[in-house]
Every structure is written in C-alpha cells, then in structure tokens.
Amino acid sequence: MQKLSFGKIRATRIAILVGVFLFGFNYQPNWVLNNFWLKADFYDVIPFKISFLVFQLVFSLVSTLIVEFGIRFIKKYA
C-alpha cells in the first residue's frame, strides 16, 4: 500500500494541520474572542459587515499557518 503524499507533505502532517484547522475553527481562546470579536470597536469603522463565520475562518487559517511554520522551523533546525 502506498503512503498518502502530496509532494513533500506526508499524511501525518496533513492530519495535524487539518486537526488544527478544525480545532481553531470551533474554538477560539478567550483573549482572541474578546479582543477581536466581542469588544472590538474597529468593526464600526470599516464600511462592510464581517460575519462570525469569516472571523472563525480567519482565525483557523492563521493558527494553521503558525503551526505549519512551527513544523518547518523544527524540521530545519532540529
């Protein structure tokens, strides 16, 4: 049986990143939720409305990118 591989990314790494994305989409730490959604005053200044779904998507993408760069850093220097 062949290993699932997308270029140099293995199935384990993909599973970790998908897990981080799903966890980040469903759960935001209190400081993120408070500072960037509940108490954020800068949403009144921008001329368009941002939904909570977009907020969740952006947070999950940022957290996934941080984990990906962390994995690359560890692989390079460990």
C-alpha atoms as a PDB file:
ATOM      1  CA  MET A   1       0.000   0.000   0.000  1.00  0.00           C
ATOM      2  CA  GLN A   2       1.336   3.430  -0.917  1.00  0.00           C
ATOM      3  CA  LYS A   3       1.720   6.238   1.572  1.00  0.00           C
ATOM      4  CA  LEU A   4      -0.517   9.221   1.012  1.00  0.00           C
ATOM      5  CA  SER A   5       1.800  12.037  -0.016  1.00  0.00           C
ATOM      6  CA  PHE A   6       1.274  15.477  -1.518  1.00  0.00           C
ATOM      7  CA  GLY A   7       4.741  16.388  -2.708  1.00  0.00           C
ATOM      8  CA  LYS A   8       6.878  16.529   0.414  1.00  0.00           C
ATOM      9  CA  ILE A   9       3.930  16.707   2.819  1.00  0.00           C
ATOM     10  CA  ARG A  10       3.070  13.358   4.399  1.00  0.00           C
ATOM     11  CA  ALA A  11      -0.317  12.155   5.644  1.00  0.00           C
ATOM     12  CA  THR A  12       0.652  12.683   9.301  1.00  0.00           C
ATOM     13  CA  ARG A  13       1.445  16.334   8.710  1.00  0.00           C
ATOM     14  CA  ILE A  14      -1.767  16.822   6.736  1.00  0.00           C
ATOM     15  CA  ALA A  15      -3.754  15.208   9.549  1.00  0.00           C
ATOM     16  CA  ILE A  16      -2.121  17.509  12.106  1.00  0.00           C
ATOM     17  CA  LEU A  17      -2.873  20.600  10.028  1.00  0.00           C
ATOM     18  CA  VAL A  18      -6.485  19.548   9.383  1.00  0.00           C
ATOM     19  CA  GLY A  19      -6.915  18.913  13.114  1.00  0.00           C
ATOM     20  CA  VAL A  20      -5.513  22.347  13.956  1.00  0.00           C
ATOM     21  CA  PHE A  21      -7.783  23.969  11.363  1.00  0.00           C
ATOM     22  CA  LEU A  22     -10.921  22.255  12.688  1.00  0.00           C
ATOM     23  CA  PHE A  23      -9.998  22.934  16.312  1.00  0.00           C
ATOM     24  CA  GLY A  24      -9.229  26.580  15.527  1.00  0.00           C
ATOM     25  CA  PHE A  25     -12.500  26.933  13.644  1.00  0.00           C
ATOM     26  CA  ASN A  26     -14.568  25.630  16.560  1.00  0.00           C
ATOM     27  CA  TYR A  27     -12.624  27.077  19.478  1.00  0.00           C
ATOM     28  CA  GLN A  28     -11.041  30.480  19.939  1.00  0.00           C
ATOM     29  CA  PRO A  29      -9.212  31.398  23.143  1.00  0.00           C
ATOM     30  CA  ASN A  30     -10.991  33.938  25.324  1.00  0.00           C
ATOM     31  CA  TRP A  31      -8.455  36.698  24.619  1.00  0.00           C
ATOM     32  CA  VAL A  32      -8.947  36.298  20.855  1.00  0.00           C
ATOM     33  CA  LEU A  33     -12.731  36.198  21.130  1.00  0.00           C
ATOM     34  CA  ASN A  34     -12.853  39.193  23.474  1.00  0.00           C
ATOM     35  CA  ASN A  35     -10.316  41.413  21.721  1.00  0.00           C
ATOM     36  CA  PHE A  36     -11.220  40.681  18.118  1.00  0.00           C
ATOM     37  CA  TRP A  37     -14.955  39.976  18.239  1.00  0.00           C
ATOM     38  CA  LEU A  38     -16.895  40.844  21.386  1.00  0.00           C
ATOM     39  CA  LYS A  39     -15.217  44.116  22.413  1.00  0.00           C
ATOM     40  CA  ALA A  40     -13.764  45.170  19.068  1.00  0.00           C
ATOM     41  CA  ASP A  41     -14.615  48.770  18.193  1.00  0.00           C
ATOM     42  CA  PHE A  42     -12.855  48.794  14.840  1.00  0.00           C
ATOM     43  CA  TYR A  43     -15.698  46.863  13.154  1.00  0.00           C
ATOM     44  CA  ASP A  44     -17.830  50.020  13.371  1.00  0.00           C
ATOM     45  CA  VAL A  45     -15.285  51.997  11.332  1.00  0.00           C
ATOM     46  CA  ILE A  46     -14.984  49.683   8.337  1.00  0.00           C
ATOM     47  CA  PRO A  47     -17.668  50.145   5.652  1.00  0.00           C
ATOM     48  CA  PHE A  48     -18.721  46.482   5.468  1.00  0.00           C
ATOM     49  CA  LYS A  49     -20.111  43.887   7.872  1.00  0.00           C
ATOM     50  CA  ILE A  50     -17.949  40.921   8.940  1.00  0.00           C
ATOM     51  CA  SER A  51     -19.790  37.778   9.980  1.00  0.00           C
ATOM     52  CA  PHE A  52     -18.709  35.478  12.778  1.00  0.00           C
ATOM     53  CA  LEU A  53     -18.097  32.727  10.203  1.00  0.00           C
ATOM     54  CA  VAL A  54     -15.444  34.876   8.500  1.00  0.00           C
ATOM     55  CA  PHE A  55     -13.888  35.597  11.903  1.00  0.00           C
ATOM     56  CA  GLN A  56     -13.684  31.860  12.622  1.00  0.00           C
ATOM     57  CA  LEU A  57     -12.232  31.139   9.187  1.00  0.00           C
ATOM     58  CA  VAL A  58      -9.532  33.787   9.505  1.00  0.00           C
ATOM     59  CA  PHE A  59      -8.551  32.607  12.983  1.00  0.00           C
ATOM     60  CA  SER A  60      -8.346  28.964  11.889  1.00  0.00           C
ATOM     61  CA  LEU A  61      -6.232  29.875   8.839  1.00  0.00           C
ATOM     62  CA  VAL A  62      -3.838  31.954  10.936  1.00  0.00           C
ATOM     63  CA  SER A  63      -3.482  29.239  13.580  1.00  0.00           C
ATOM     64  CA  THR A  64      -2.873  26.606  10.881  1.00  0.00           C
ATOM     65  CA  LEU A  65      -0.180  28.760   9.271  1.00  0.00           C
ATOM     66  CA  ILE A  66       1.538  29.284  12.626  1.00  0.00           C
ATOM     67  CA  VAL A  67       1.609  25.530  13.238  1.00  0.00           C
ATOM     68  CA  GLU A  68       2.886  24.870   9.697  1.00  0.00           C
ATOM     69  CA  PHE A  69       5.719  27.385  10.115  1.00  0.00           C
ATOM     70  CA  GLY A  70       6.485  25.859  13.520  1.00  0.00           C
ATOM     71  CA  ILE A  71       6.755  22.405  11.957  1.00  0.00           C
ATOM     72  CA  ARG A  72       9.045  23.743   9.223  1.00  0.00           C
ATOM     73  CA  PHE A  73      11.218  25.535  11.792  1.00  0.00           C
ATOM     74  CA  ILE A  74      11.566  22.406  13.906  1.00  0.00           C
ATOM     75  CA  LYS A  75      12.365  20.246  10.892  1.00  0.00           C
ATOM     76  CA  LYS A  76      15.003  22.710   9.718  1.00  0.00           C
ATOM     77  CA  TYR A  77      16.799  23.335  12.997  1.00  0.00           C
ATOM     78  CA  ALA A  78      16.203  20.136  14.999  1.00  0.00           C
END
